[in-house]
N, C-alpha and C. Protein backbone atom coordinates (compact mmCIF):
# COMPACT_ATOMS: atom_id res chain seq x y z
N MET A 1 0.93 -1.40 -0.03
CA MET A 1 0.25 -0.22 0.11
C MET A 1 0.70 1.44 0.02
N PHE A 2 1.78 1.35 0.84
CA PHE A 2 2.76 2.64 0.90
C PHE A 2 2.91 2.50 -0.36
N GLU A 3 3.87 1.85 -1.17
CA GLU A 3 4.75 2.00 -2.45
C GLU A 3 3.42 2.54 -2.79
N GLU A 4 2.31 1.87 -3.36
CA GLU A 4 1.46 2.48 -4.49
C GLU A 4 1.41 3.79 -4.45
N VAL A 5 0.77 4.58 -3.02
CA VAL A 5 0.76 5.91 -2.52
C VAL A 5 2.12 6.61 -3.00
N ALA A 6 3.11 6.20 -2.98
CA ALA A 6 4.66 7.17 -3.41
C ALA A 6 4.54 6.90 -4.60
N ALA A 7 4.17 6.14 -5.67
CA ALA A 7 4.02 6.23 -6.53
C ALA A 7 3.27 6.79 -7.39
N ARG A 8 2.56 7.70 -6.77
CA ARG A 8 2.11 8.61 -7.03
C ARG A 8 2.77 9.76 -7.07
N GLN A 9 3.14 9.98 -5.76
CA GLN A 9 3.43 11.15 -4.94
C GLN A 9 4.92 10.70 -3.71
N PRO A 10 5.47 11.39 -3.57
CA PRO A 10 6.35 11.09 -2.37
C PRO A 10 6.06 10.98 -1.04
N LEU A 11 6.05 10.49 -0.05
CA LEU A 11 5.22 9.67 1.18
C LEU A 11 6.16 9.88 2.29
N LEU A 12 5.88 10.22 3.52
CA LEU A 12 6.83 10.79 4.36
C LEU A 12 6.01 10.04 5.78
N LEU A 13 6.40 9.30 6.45
CA LEU A 13 6.08 7.96 7.83
C LEU A 13 6.91 8.65 8.67
N VAL A 14 5.89 8.72 9.81
CA VAL A 14 6.38 9.58 11.00
C VAL A 14 6.14 8.44 12.10
N VAL A 15 7.39 8.34 12.97
CA VAL A 15 7.26 7.31 14.41
C VAL A 15 8.09 8.18 15.25
N GLU A 16 7.43 8.39 16.13
CA GLU A 16 7.84 9.30 17.53
C GLU A 16 7.66 8.46 18.37
N ASP A 17 8.56 8.81 19.59
CA ASP A 17 8.78 8.46 20.40
C ASP A 17 9.50 6.69 20.68
N ILE A 18 10.51 6.63 19.16
CA ILE A 18 10.57 4.85 19.14
C ILE A 18 11.43 4.62 19.97
N GLN A 19 11.80 5.21 21.11
CA GLN A 19 12.59 4.44 21.80
C GLN A 19 11.53 3.47 22.64
N TRP A 20 10.05 3.72 22.71
CA TRP A 20 9.15 3.22 23.52
C TRP A 20 8.06 2.08 22.95
N LEU A 21 8.64 1.84 21.51
CA LEU A 21 8.10 0.48 20.52
C LEU A 21 8.42 -0.33 21.21
N ASP A 22 7.32 -1.65 21.85
CA ASP A 22 8.02 -2.53 21.92
C ASP A 22 8.73 -3.48 20.94
N ARG A 23 8.74 -5.13 21.08
CA ARG A 23 9.93 -5.45 19.89
C ARG A 23 9.57 -5.95 18.67
N SER A 24 8.34 -6.27 18.96
CA SER A 24 7.13 -6.71 17.49
C SER A 24 7.13 -5.25 16.84
N SER A 25 6.57 -4.08 17.11
CA SER A 25 6.93 -2.45 16.44
C SER A 25 8.26 -2.52 16.30
N ALA A 26 9.07 -2.57 17.17
CA ALA A 26 10.19 -2.00 16.47
C ALA A 26 10.42 -2.91 15.04
N GLU A 27 10.38 -4.38 15.37
CA GLU A 27 10.72 -5.45 13.79
C GLU A 27 9.60 -4.94 12.19
N VAL A 28 8.67 -4.08 12.67
CA VAL A 28 7.58 -3.56 11.94
C VAL A 28 8.29 -2.77 11.16
N VAL A 29 8.91 -1.56 12.15
CA VAL A 29 9.90 -0.47 11.43
C VAL A 29 10.66 -0.84 10.67
N ARG A 30 11.57 -1.87 11.49
CA ARG A 30 12.64 -2.37 10.63
C ARG A 30 12.54 -3.28 9.37
N PHE A 31 11.29 -3.57 8.74
CA PHE A 31 11.27 -4.37 8.00
C PHE A 31 10.53 -3.42 6.54
N LEU A 32 10.10 -2.23 6.94
CA LEU A 32 9.67 -0.96 6.15
C LEU A 32 10.78 -0.42 5.79
N THR A 33 11.94 -0.33 6.56
CA THR A 33 12.94 0.33 6.40
C THR A 33 14.30 -0.94 4.92
N ARG A 34 14.23 -1.34 5.43
CA ARG A 34 14.23 -2.76 4.34
C ARG A 34 13.71 -2.69 2.80
N ARG A 35 12.56 -2.74 2.96
CA ARG A 35 10.99 -3.07 2.25
C ARG A 35 11.42 -2.06 1.50
N LEU A 36 10.97 -0.46 1.71
CA LEU A 36 11.07 0.79 1.24
C LEU A 36 11.86 1.14 0.77
N ARG A 37 12.78 0.87 0.73
CA ARG A 37 14.44 1.55 -0.28
C ARG A 37 14.30 2.29 -2.17
N GLU A 38 13.81 1.32 -2.32
CA GLU A 38 13.55 1.83 -3.61
C GLU A 38 12.36 2.85 -3.40
N ALA A 39 11.10 3.03 -2.87
CA ALA A 39 10.06 4.11 -3.16
C ALA A 39 10.34 4.79 -2.74
N LEU A 40 9.84 5.94 -3.10
CA LEU A 40 10.17 7.32 -2.85
C LEU A 40 9.16 7.57 -1.24
N ILE A 41 9.77 7.35 -0.68
CA ILE A 41 9.22 7.15 1.26
C ILE A 41 10.54 7.56 1.78
N MET A 42 10.14 8.97 2.68
CA MET A 42 11.38 8.74 4.17
C MET A 42 10.19 8.39 5.13
N LEU A 43 11.45 8.07 5.70
CA LEU A 43 10.43 7.46 7.35
C LEU A 43 11.66 8.68 7.94
N LEU A 44 10.62 9.29 9.28
CA LEU A 44 11.19 10.11 9.99
C LEU A 44 11.13 9.63 11.55
N VAL A 45 11.98 9.46 12.15
CA VAL A 45 11.74 8.94 13.69
C VAL A 45 12.73 9.54 14.64
N THR A 46 11.61 9.54 15.57
CA THR A 46 12.02 11.05 16.28
C THR A 46 12.61 10.43 18.12
N VAL A 47 13.54 10.31 18.98
CA VAL A 47 14.24 9.48 19.85
C VAL A 47 13.91 10.58 20.84
N ARG A 48 14.04 10.59 22.09
CA ARG A 48 14.28 11.35 22.97
C ARG A 48 16.24 11.07 23.02
N ALA A 49 17.06 11.91 23.24
CA ALA A 49 18.37 12.04 23.50
C ALA A 49 18.41 11.24 24.96
N GLU A 50 17.94 11.44 25.82
CA GLU A 50 18.23 11.54 27.20
C GLU A 50 18.31 9.48 27.60
N VAL A 51 17.85 9.10 26.46
CA VAL A 51 16.89 7.45 26.84
C VAL A 51 18.55 6.82 26.43
N ASP A 52 18.79 5.83 27.50
CA ASP A 52 20.42 5.54 26.93
C ASP A 52 19.63 4.06 26.39
N GLY A 53 20.71 3.75 25.57
CA GLY A 53 20.49 2.49 24.64
C GLY A 53 19.19 2.93 24.01
N LEU A 54 18.53 1.70 22.91
CA LEU A 54 16.91 1.97 22.36
C LEU A 54 16.46 0.83 22.22
N GLY A 55 17.50 -0.17 23.01
CA GLY A 55 16.12 -1.59 23.00
C GLY A 55 16.26 -2.13 21.52
N PRO A 56 15.40 -2.63 21.33
CA PRO A 56 14.88 -2.86 19.74
C PRO A 56 15.09 -2.23 18.41
N THR A 57 15.18 -1.01 18.58
CA THR A 57 15.62 0.66 18.03
C THR A 57 16.50 0.62 17.25
N ARG A 58 17.48 0.08 18.15
CA ARG A 58 19.04 0.76 17.90
C ARG A 58 19.66 0.66 16.64
N SER A 59 19.34 -0.35 16.21
CA SER A 59 20.01 -0.95 14.50
C SER A 59 19.53 -0.33 13.60
N LEU A 60 18.40 0.34 14.33
CA LEU A 60 18.11 1.27 12.90
C LEU A 60 19.01 1.95 11.57
N PRO A 61 18.92 2.21 10.71
CA PRO A 61 19.90 3.26 9.95
C PRO A 61 19.42 4.62 9.97
N GLY A 62 20.00 5.58 10.01
CA GLY A 62 19.25 7.16 9.98
C GLY A 62 20.79 7.58 10.19
N GLU A 63 19.92 9.01 10.31
CA GLU A 63 21.11 10.39 10.58
C GLU A 63 20.51 11.03 12.17
N ARG A 64 21.41 11.37 12.84
CA ARG A 64 21.46 12.36 13.78
C ARG A 64 21.34 13.46 13.91
N VAL A 65 20.02 14.14 14.10
CA VAL A 65 19.77 15.65 13.81
C VAL A 65 19.80 16.13 15.11
N GLU A 66 20.47 16.96 16.16
CA GLU A 66 20.03 17.42 17.21
C GLU A 66 19.54 19.00 17.21
N LEU A 67 18.06 19.08 17.87
CA LEU A 67 17.97 19.98 18.32
C LEU A 67 18.03 20.73 18.95
N GLY A 68 17.95 22.24 18.96
CA GLY A 68 18.13 23.38 20.02
C GLY A 68 17.12 23.27 21.08
N GLN A 69 17.20 24.21 21.86
CA GLN A 69 16.14 23.95 22.69
C GLN A 69 15.29 24.96 22.36
N VAL A 70 13.72 24.96 22.23
CA VAL A 70 12.84 25.69 21.76
C VAL A 70 12.37 26.49 23.09
N GLY A 71 12.36 28.14 22.62
CA GLY A 71 12.50 28.80 23.28
C GLY A 71 13.25 29.55 24.17
N GLY A 72 12.69 30.04 25.37
CA GLY A 72 13.77 30.81 26.12
C GLY A 72 14.69 30.96 26.46
């Protein structure tokens, strides 16, 4: 289904607070990263920096982007 949508227009998938995913959900995200590499799909994942280790999500490929504090 994702590939069909991405064939018509680029698609963005967002997973917030990935450190809280259970093992099965993390496996689904990992599967998507492998399966959809050739499609026009971007996966944006957020994680809290203060969490030690990431359990089942630590092996996901990606780039780290540090955001400054918002506001004052």
